[in-house]
């Protein structure tokens, strides 16, 4: 998870707090960042780039599997003759 994204999210959350709570802004920001890192860390998230790479690998693998299944069917037909 991108640390800058978590920092930006924490700042936006802190920015929406009432003025009376903002006096503790530094402590809150530190705690919110820690909580966000913890939650996102447990989610096993991947970047969009990594997801797209894996999706492309999966498509290529499926295409190869279909080719192999077709070839196997051809060989089975040939062996029955």
N, C-alpha and C. Protein backbone atom coordinates (compact mmCIF):
# COMPACT_ATOMS: atom_id res chain seq x y z
N UNK A 1 0.84 -1.17 0.00
CA UNK A 1 0.00 0.00 0.00
C UNK A 1 0.89 1.23 0.00
N UNK A 2 0.54 2.19 -0.83
CA UNK A 2 1.32 3.41 -0.97
C UNK A 2 1.23 4.27 0.30
N UNK A 3 2.35 4.52 0.96
CA UNK A 3 2.33 5.32 2.19
C UNK A 3 1.77 6.73 1.96
N UNK A 4 2.02 7.31 0.81
CA UNK A 4 1.51 8.65 0.50
C UNK A 4 -0.02 8.64 0.46
N UNK A 5 -0.60 7.58 -0.07
CA UNK A 5 -2.05 7.46 -0.12
C UNK A 5 -2.63 7.40 1.28
N UNK A 6 -1.99 6.65 2.15
CA UNK A 6 -2.45 6.54 3.54
C UNK A 6 -2.31 7.89 4.25
N UNK A 7 -1.19 8.59 4.02
CA UNK A 7 -1.01 9.91 4.62
C UNK A 7 -2.09 10.88 4.17
N UNK A 8 -2.38 10.88 2.88
CA UNK A 8 -3.42 11.77 2.34
C UNK A 8 -4.79 11.43 2.93
N UNK A 9 -5.09 10.15 3.03
CA UNK A 9 -6.37 9.73 3.59
C UNK A 9 -6.48 10.14 5.06
N UNK A 10 -5.40 9.96 5.81
CA UNK A 10 -5.40 10.35 7.22
C UNK A 10 -5.61 11.85 7.36
N UNK A 11 -4.94 12.65 6.54
CA UNK A 11 -5.09 14.10 6.60
C UNK A 11 -6.52 14.53 6.27
N UNK A 12 -7.13 13.86 5.28
CA UNK A 12 -8.53 14.20 4.94
C UNK A 12 -9.47 13.85 6.09
N UNK A 13 -9.23 12.70 6.73
CA UNK A 13 -10.07 12.32 7.87
C UNK A 13 -9.91 13.31 9.02
N UNK A 14 -8.68 13.69 9.32
CA UNK A 14 -8.41 14.63 10.41
C UNK A 14 -9.01 16.00 10.07
N UNK A 15 -8.95 16.37 8.80
CA UNK A 15 -9.49 17.66 8.38
C UNK A 15 -10.99 17.79 8.59
N UNK A 16 -11.69 16.69 8.68
CA UNK A 16 -13.14 16.70 8.85
C UNK A 16 -13.58 16.67 10.33
N UNK A 17 -12.62 16.63 11.23
CA UNK A 17 -12.95 16.59 12.65
C UNK A 17 -13.37 17.97 13.15
N UNK A 18 -14.17 18.00 14.20
CA UNK A 18 -14.55 19.29 14.79
C UNK A 18 -13.33 20.05 15.31
N UNK A 19 -13.44 21.37 15.37
CA UNK A 19 -12.33 22.21 15.81
C UNK A 19 -11.85 21.85 17.21
N UNK A 20 -12.77 21.47 18.08
CA UNK A 20 -12.39 21.15 19.46
C UNK A 20 -11.46 19.95 19.54
N UNK A 21 -11.52 19.07 18.58
CA UNK A 21 -10.68 17.88 18.57
C UNK A 21 -9.37 18.13 17.83
N UNK A 22 -9.35 19.13 16.97
CA UNK A 22 -8.16 19.38 16.17
C UNK A 22 -6.95 19.80 17.00
N UNK A 23 -7.14 20.19 18.24
CA UNK A 23 -6.01 20.55 19.08
C UNK A 23 -5.10 19.35 19.31
N UNK A 24 -5.66 18.18 19.16
CA UNK A 24 -4.88 16.95 19.31
C UNK A 24 -4.51 16.36 17.95
N UNK A 25 -4.42 17.24 16.96
CA UNK A 25 -4.25 16.81 15.58
C UNK A 25 -3.05 15.90 15.36
N UNK A 26 -1.90 16.22 15.90
CA UNK A 26 -0.70 15.42 15.66
C UNK A 26 -0.87 14.00 16.18
N UNK A 27 -1.39 13.88 17.41
CA UNK A 27 -1.61 12.55 17.99
C UNK A 27 -2.66 11.78 17.18
N UNK A 28 -3.73 12.47 16.82
CA UNK A 28 -4.78 11.81 16.05
C UNK A 28 -4.26 11.34 14.69
N UNK A 29 -3.49 12.21 14.04
CA UNK A 29 -2.96 11.87 12.72
C UNK A 29 -2.05 10.64 12.81
N UNK A 30 -1.21 10.60 13.81
CA UNK A 30 -0.32 9.45 14.01
C UNK A 30 -1.13 8.17 14.24
N UNK A 31 -2.15 8.27 15.09
CA UNK A 31 -2.98 7.10 15.40
C UNK A 31 -3.80 6.66 14.19
N UNK A 32 -4.33 7.61 13.44
CA UNK A 32 -5.13 7.26 12.27
C UNK A 32 -4.23 6.59 11.22
N UNK A 33 -3.04 7.14 10.99
CA UNK A 33 -2.12 6.53 10.03
C UNK A 33 -1.77 5.10 10.44
N UNK A 34 -1.50 4.91 11.73
CA UNK A 34 -1.18 3.57 12.22
C UNK A 34 -2.34 2.61 12.02
N UNK A 35 -3.55 3.09 12.31
CA UNK A 35 -4.73 2.24 12.14
C UNK A 35 -4.95 1.89 10.67
N UNK A 36 -4.78 2.88 9.79
CA UNK A 36 -4.96 2.62 8.35
C UNK A 36 -3.91 1.63 7.84
N UNK A 37 -2.66 1.81 8.24
CA UNK A 37 -1.61 0.87 7.84
C UNK A 37 -1.96 -0.54 8.30
N UNK A 38 -2.44 -0.66 9.51
CA UNK A 38 -2.78 -1.96 10.07
C UNK A 38 -3.93 -2.61 9.30
N UNK A 39 -4.98 -1.85 9.06
CA UNK A 39 -6.15 -2.39 8.35
C UNK A 39 -5.79 -2.78 6.93
N UNK A 40 -5.12 -1.87 6.22
CA UNK A 40 -4.77 -2.17 4.83
C UNK A 40 -3.75 -3.30 4.75
N UNK A 41 -2.86 -3.40 5.73
CA UNK A 41 -1.87 -4.47 5.75
C UNK A 41 -2.51 -5.84 5.89
N UNK A 42 -3.58 -5.91 6.65
CA UNK A 42 -4.28 -7.19 6.86
C UNK A 42 -5.11 -7.59 5.65
N UNK A 43 -5.36 -6.68 4.75
CA UNK A 43 -6.23 -6.96 3.60
C UNK A 43 -5.50 -7.63 2.44
N UNK A 44 -4.19 -7.70 2.50
CA UNK A 44 -3.42 -8.28 1.40
C UNK A 44 -3.77 -7.65 0.05
N UNK A 45 -3.77 -6.33 0.01
CA UNK A 45 -4.09 -5.61 -1.22
C UNK A 45 -2.91 -5.63 -2.17
N UNK A 46 -3.21 -5.56 -3.45
CA UNK A 46 -2.16 -5.46 -4.47
C UNK A 46 -2.40 -4.19 -5.28
N UNK A 47 -1.36 -3.72 -5.92
CA UNK A 47 -1.50 -2.52 -6.74
C UNK A 47 -2.27 -2.87 -8.02
N UNK A 48 -2.81 -1.86 -8.64
CA UNK A 48 -3.55 -2.06 -9.90
C UNK A 48 -2.62 -2.64 -10.96
N UNK A 49 -1.38 -2.16 -10.97
CA UNK A 49 -0.39 -2.66 -11.94
C UNK A 49 -0.16 -4.16 -11.76
N UNK A 50 0.04 -4.57 -10.51
CA UNK A 50 0.27 -5.99 -10.24
C UNK A 50 -0.97 -6.82 -10.61
N UNK A 51 -2.15 -6.29 -10.31
CA UNK A 51 -3.39 -6.98 -10.67
C UNK A 51 -3.49 -7.16 -12.18
N UNK A 52 -3.21 -6.09 -12.92
CA UNK A 52 -3.28 -6.16 -14.39
C UNK A 52 -2.28 -7.15 -14.96
N UNK A 53 -1.08 -7.20 -14.39
CA UNK A 53 -0.06 -8.17 -14.85
C UNK A 53 -0.56 -9.59 -14.61
N UNK A 54 -1.10 -9.85 -13.43
CA UNK A 54 -1.59 -11.20 -13.12
C UNK A 54 -2.80 -11.56 -13.98
N UNK A 55 -3.66 -10.60 -14.28
CA UNK A 55 -4.81 -10.85 -15.15
C UNK A 55 -4.33 -11.24 -16.55
N UNK A 56 -3.30 -10.57 -17.05
CA UNK A 56 -2.75 -10.89 -18.37
C UNK A 56 -2.13 -12.29 -18.37
N UNK A 57 -1.43 -12.64 -17.30
CA UNK A 57 -0.85 -13.98 -17.18
C UNK A 57 -1.96 -15.03 -17.18
N UNK A 58 -3.03 -14.76 -16.47
CA UNK A 58 -4.15 -15.69 -16.41
C UNK A 58 -4.79 -15.88 -17.79
N UNK A 59 -4.98 -14.80 -18.52
CA UNK A 59 -5.55 -14.91 -19.87
C UNK A 59 -4.65 -15.74 -20.78
N UNK A 60 -3.36 -15.51 -20.70
CA UNK A 60 -2.41 -16.27 -21.52
C UNK A 60 -2.44 -17.75 -21.13
N UNK A 61 -2.51 -18.02 -19.84
CA UNK A 61 -2.56 -19.40 -19.36
C UNK A 61 -3.83 -20.10 -19.82
N UNK A 62 -4.95 -19.40 -19.75
CA UNK A 62 -6.22 -19.99 -20.21
C UNK A 62 -6.18 -20.31 -21.70
N UNK A 63 -5.60 -19.40 -22.48
CA UNK A 63 -5.50 -19.64 -23.92
C UNK A 63 -4.64 -20.87 -24.20
N UNK A 64 -3.52 -20.98 -23.50
CA UNK A 64 -2.63 -22.14 -23.68
C UNK A 64 -3.33 -23.42 -23.26
N UNK A 65 -4.09 -23.38 -22.16
CA UNK A 65 -4.84 -24.55 -21.70
C UNK A 65 -5.85 -24.99 -22.76
N UNK A 66 -6.56 -24.03 -23.34
CA UNK A 66 -7.52 -24.38 -24.39
C UNK A 66 -6.84 -25.02 -25.59
N UNK A 67 -5.66 -24.51 -25.97
CA UNK A 67 -4.90 -25.11 -27.07
C UNK A 67 -4.51 -26.54 -26.73
N UNK A 68 -4.05 -26.74 -25.51
CA UNK A 68 -3.63 -28.09 -25.11
C UNK A 68 -4.82 -29.05 -25.06
N UNK A 69 -5.97 -28.57 -24.59
CA UNK A 69 -7.16 -29.42 -24.57
C UNK A 69 -7.60 -29.80 -25.98
N UNK A 70 -7.53 -28.85 -26.89
CA UNK A 70 -7.87 -29.14 -28.29
C UNK A 70 -6.90 -30.17 -28.86
N UNK A 71 -5.62 -29.98 -28.58
CA UNK A 71 -4.60 -30.92 -29.08
C UNK A 71 -4.82 -32.31 -28.49
N UNK A 72 -5.15 -32.39 -27.21
CA UNK A 72 -5.42 -33.67 -26.56
C UNK A 72 -6.62 -34.36 -27.20
N UNK A 73 -7.67 -33.59 -27.48
CA UNK A 73 -8.85 -34.16 -28.12
C UNK A 73 -8.49 -34.71 -29.51
N UNK A 74 -7.65 -33.99 -30.24
CA UNK A 74 -7.20 -34.45 -31.57
C UNK A 74 -6.42 -35.76 -31.45
N UNK A 75 -5.53 -35.83 -30.48
CA UNK A 75 -4.73 -37.04 -30.29
C UNK A 75 -5.58 -38.21 -29.86
N UNK A 76 -6.59 -37.96 -29.02
CA UNK A 76 -7.49 -39.03 -28.61
C UNK A 76 -8.29 -39.56 -29.80
N UNK A 77 -8.74 -38.64 -30.65
CA UNK A 77 -9.47 -39.06 -31.85
C UNK A 77 -8.57 -39.87 -32.78
N UNK A 78 -7.34 -39.43 -32.93
CA UNK A 78 -6.40 -40.13 -33.81
C UNK A 78 -6.07 -41.52 -33.26
N UNK A 79 -6.00 -41.67 -31.95
CA UNK A 79 -5.66 -42.96 -31.38
C UNK A 79 -6.82 -43.94 -31.45
N UNK A 80 -8.03 -43.47 -31.61
CA UNK A 80 -9.21 -44.34 -31.71
C UNK A 80 -9.36 -44.91 -33.12
N UNK A 81 -8.69 -44.33 -34.06
CA UNK A 81 -8.82 -44.79 -35.46
C UNK A 81 -7.99 -45.97 -35.75
